[in-house]
Amino acid sequence: MHIVINHQLNDPLKWDRSVKNIMSLIEQNRLPAGIKPLQYLPSVDGRNAICLWEAESLSGLQKFIERETSGARNEYFQVKEEAAIGLPKGEELARAA
């Protein structure tokens, strides 16, 4: 499933540290099983960010994000994939892996 997280940033310095830590986990292939980041879209003004993840469950991704991030209020929603535009297709995800 695809999950979007809307991050409303209240402490940019804490948020930046959180992002660097998550990026390090990604680079080291140390993310929990069943979750994969697809997009990170921070705003120019540094007050918001949107992330798109692929995950086996919303609750599993939420548990990871809440543990790993600070400096933001996070809102989660599962994407209605059949109505979405621009999501990666299964074969694109397989090639990226």
C-alpha atoms as a PDB file:
ATOM      1  CA  MET A   1       0.000   0.000   0.000  1.00  0.00           C
ATOM      2  CA  HIS A   2       1.048   3.620  -0.486  1.00  0.00           C
ATOM      3  CA  ILE A   3       0.942   6.007   2.458  1.00  0.00           C
ATOM      4  CA  VAL A   4       1.352   9.769   2.488  1.00  0.00           C
ATOM      5  CA  ILE A   5       2.627  11.632   5.515  1.00  0.00           C
ATOM      6  CA  ASN A   6       2.024  15.341   5.884  1.00  0.00           C
ATOM      7  CA  HIS A   7       4.650  16.735   8.255  1.00  0.00           C
ATOM      8  CA  GLN A   8       3.906  20.132   9.798  1.00  0.00           C
ATOM      9  CA  LEU A   9       7.298  21.265  11.071  1.00  0.00           C
ATOM     10  CA  ASN A  10       7.439  23.049  14.413  1.00  0.00           C
ATOM     11  CA  ASP A  11      11.182  22.735  15.084  1.00  0.00           C
ATOM     12  CA  PRO A  12      13.244  22.767  11.871  1.00  0.00           C
ATOM     13  CA  LEU A  13      16.523  21.908  13.626  1.00  0.00           C
ATOM     14  CA  LYS A  14      15.079  18.779  15.256  1.00  0.00           C
ATOM     15  CA  TRP A  15      13.398  17.876  11.978  1.00  0.00           C
ATOM     16  CA  ASP A  16      16.658  18.202  10.024  1.00  0.00           C
ATOM     17  CA  ARG A  17      18.384  15.846  12.477  1.00  0.00           C
ATOM     18  CA  SER A  18      15.532  13.363  12.097  1.00  0.00           C
ATOM     19  CA  VAL A  19      15.735  13.489   8.297  1.00  0.00           C
ATOM     20  CA  LYS A  20      19.509  12.961   8.353  1.00  0.00           C
ATOM     21  CA  ASN A  21      19.081   9.953  10.642  1.00  0.00           C
ATOM     22  CA  ILE A  22      16.407   8.396   8.415  1.00  0.00           C
ATOM     23  CA  MET A  23      18.527   9.050   5.304  1.00  0.00           C
ATOM     24  CA  SER A  24      21.402   7.254   7.015  1.00  0.00           C
ATOM     25  CA  LEU A  25      19.150   4.269   7.758  1.00  0.00           C
ATOM     26  CA  ILE A  26      18.076   4.226   4.094  1.00  0.00           C
ATOM     27  CA  GLU A  27      21.683   4.356   2.825  1.00  0.00           C
ATOM     28  CA  GLN A  28      22.689   1.543   5.183  1.00  0.00           C
ATOM     29  CA  ASN A  29      19.669  -0.606   4.217  1.00  0.00           C
ATOM     30  CA  ARG A  30      18.551  -0.595   7.859  1.00  0.00           C
ATOM     31  CA  LEU A  31      14.897   0.366   7.491  1.00  0.00           C
ATOM     32  CA  PRO A  32      12.397  -1.989   9.096  1.00  0.00           C
ATOM     33  CA  ALA A  33      11.152  -4.754   6.806  1.00  0.00           C
ATOM     34  CA  GLY A  34       8.089  -3.861   4.806  1.00  0.00           C
ATOM     35  CA  ILE A  35       8.624  -0.105   4.427  1.00  0.00           C
ATOM     36  CA  LYS A  36      10.185   1.763   1.540  1.00  0.00           C
ATOM     37  CA  PRO A  37      10.518   5.525   0.995  1.00  0.00           C
ATOM     38  CA  LEU A  38       9.445   6.752  -2.444  1.00  0.00           C
ATOM     39  CA  GLN A  39       9.391  10.567  -2.239  1.00  0.00           C
ATOM     40  CA  TYR A  40      10.440  13.323   0.156  1.00  0.00           C
ATOM     41  CA  LEU A  41       9.082  16.760  -0.732  1.00  0.00           C
ATOM     42  CA  PRO A  42      10.099  19.538   1.703  1.00  0.00           C
ATOM     43  CA  SER A  43       8.643  23.024   1.284  1.00  0.00           C
ATOM     44  CA  VAL A  44      10.827  25.990   0.395  1.00  0.00           C
ATOM     45  CA  ASP A  45       9.840  27.838   3.568  1.00  0.00           C
ATOM     46  CA  GLY A  46      10.801  24.866   5.789  1.00  0.00           C
ATOM     47  CA  ARG A  47       7.397  24.659   7.465  1.00  0.00           C
ATOM     48  CA  ASN A  48       6.030  21.513   5.785  1.00  0.00           C
ATOM     49  CA  ALA A  49       7.120  18.319   4.119  1.00  0.00           C
ATOM     50  CA  ILE A  50       5.223  15.554   2.348  1.00  0.00           C
ATOM     51  CA  CYS A  51       6.502  11.980   2.148  1.00  0.00           C
ATOM     52  CA  LEU A  52       5.264   9.066   0.097  1.00  0.00           C
ATOM     53  CA  TRP A  53       6.058   5.588   1.375  1.00  0.00           C
ATOM     54  CA  GLU A  54       5.249   2.064   0.363  1.00  0.00           C
ATOM     55  CA  ALA A  55       4.426  -0.045   3.416  1.00  0.00           C
ATOM     56  CA  GLU A  56       2.773  -3.279   4.440  1.00  0.00           C
ATOM     57  CA  SER A  57       0.702  -1.455   7.056  1.00  0.00           C
ATOM     58  CA  LEU A  58      -0.076   2.093   8.083  1.00  0.00           C
ATOM     59  CA  SER A  59       0.437   1.259  11.748  1.00  0.00           C
ATOM     60  CA  GLY A  60       3.910  -0.200  11.104  1.00  0.00           C
ATOM     61  CA  LEU A  61       5.042   2.882   9.200  1.00  0.00           C
ATOM     62  CA  GLN A  62       3.505   5.187  11.792  1.00  0.00           C
ATOM     63  CA  LYS A  63       5.321   3.402  14.612  1.00  0.00           C
ATOM     64  CA  PHE A  64       8.654   3.809  12.783  1.00  0.00           C
ATOM     65  CA  ILE A  65       8.114   7.486  11.853  1.00  0.00           C
ATOM     66  CA  GLU A  66       6.930   8.513  15.312  1.00  0.00           C
ATOM     67  CA  ARG A  67       9.954   6.805  16.870  1.00  0.00           C
ATOM     68  CA  GLU A  68      12.444   8.338  14.429  1.00  0.00           C
ATOM     69  CA  THR A  69      11.166  11.892  14.026  1.00  0.00           C
ATOM     70  CA  SER A  70      10.856  14.937  16.216  1.00  0.00           C
ATOM     71  CA  GLY A  71      10.120  18.552  15.458  1.00  0.00           C
ATOM     72  CA  ALA A  72       6.925  17.857  13.488  1.00  0.00           C
ATOM     73  CA  ARG A  73       3.297  16.910  13.767  1.00  0.00           C
ATOM     74  CA  ASN A  74       2.620  14.010  11.408  1.00  0.00           C
ATOM     75  CA  GLU A  75      -0.657  13.191   9.656  1.00  0.00           C
ATOM     76  CA  TYR A  76      -0.971   9.881   7.789  1.00  0.00           C
ATOM     77  CA  PHE A  77      -3.327   8.589   5.142  1.00  0.00           C
ATOM     78  CA  GLN A  78      -3.494   5.540   2.917  1.00  0.00           C
ATOM     79  CA  VAL A  79      -3.647   6.424  -0.781  1.00  0.00           C
ATOM     80  CA  LYS A  80      -6.651   5.299  -2.807  1.00  0.00           C
ATOM     81  CA  GLU A  81      -4.385   3.761  -5.426  1.00  0.00           C
ATOM     82  CA  GLU A  82      -6.994   3.166  -8.136  1.00  0.00           C
ATOM     83  CA  ALA A  83      -7.778   6.904  -8.216  1.00  0.00           C
ATOM     84  CA  ALA A  84      -4.204   8.216  -7.818  1.00  0.00           C
ATOM     85  CA  ILE A  85      -2.111   9.755 -10.590  1.00  0.00           C
ATOM     86  CA  GLY A  86       1.654   9.231 -10.851  1.00  0.00           C
ATOM     87  CA  LEU A  87       2.223   6.413  -8.384  1.00  0.00           C
ATOM     88  CA  PRO A  88       5.111   4.100  -9.300  1.00  0.00           C
ATOM     89  CA  LYS A  89       3.923   0.886 -10.927  1.00  0.00           C
ATOM     90  CA  GLY A  90       4.925  -2.508  -9.546  1.00  0.00           C
ATOM     91  CA  GLU A  91       7.524  -3.121 -12.271  1.00  0.00           C
ATOM     92  CA  GLU A  92       9.114   0.292 -11.629  1.00  0.00           C
ATOM     93  CA  LEU A  93       9.411  -0.537  -7.934  1.00  0.00           C
ATOM     94  CA  ALA A  94      10.971  -3.921  -8.732  1.00  0.00           C
ATOM     95  CA  ARG A  95      13.620  -2.279 -10.965  1.00  0.00           C
ATOM     96  CA  ALA A  96      14.373   0.362  -8.312  1.00  0.00           C
ATOM     97  CA  ALA A  97      14.977  -2.338  -5.699  1.00  0.00           C
END
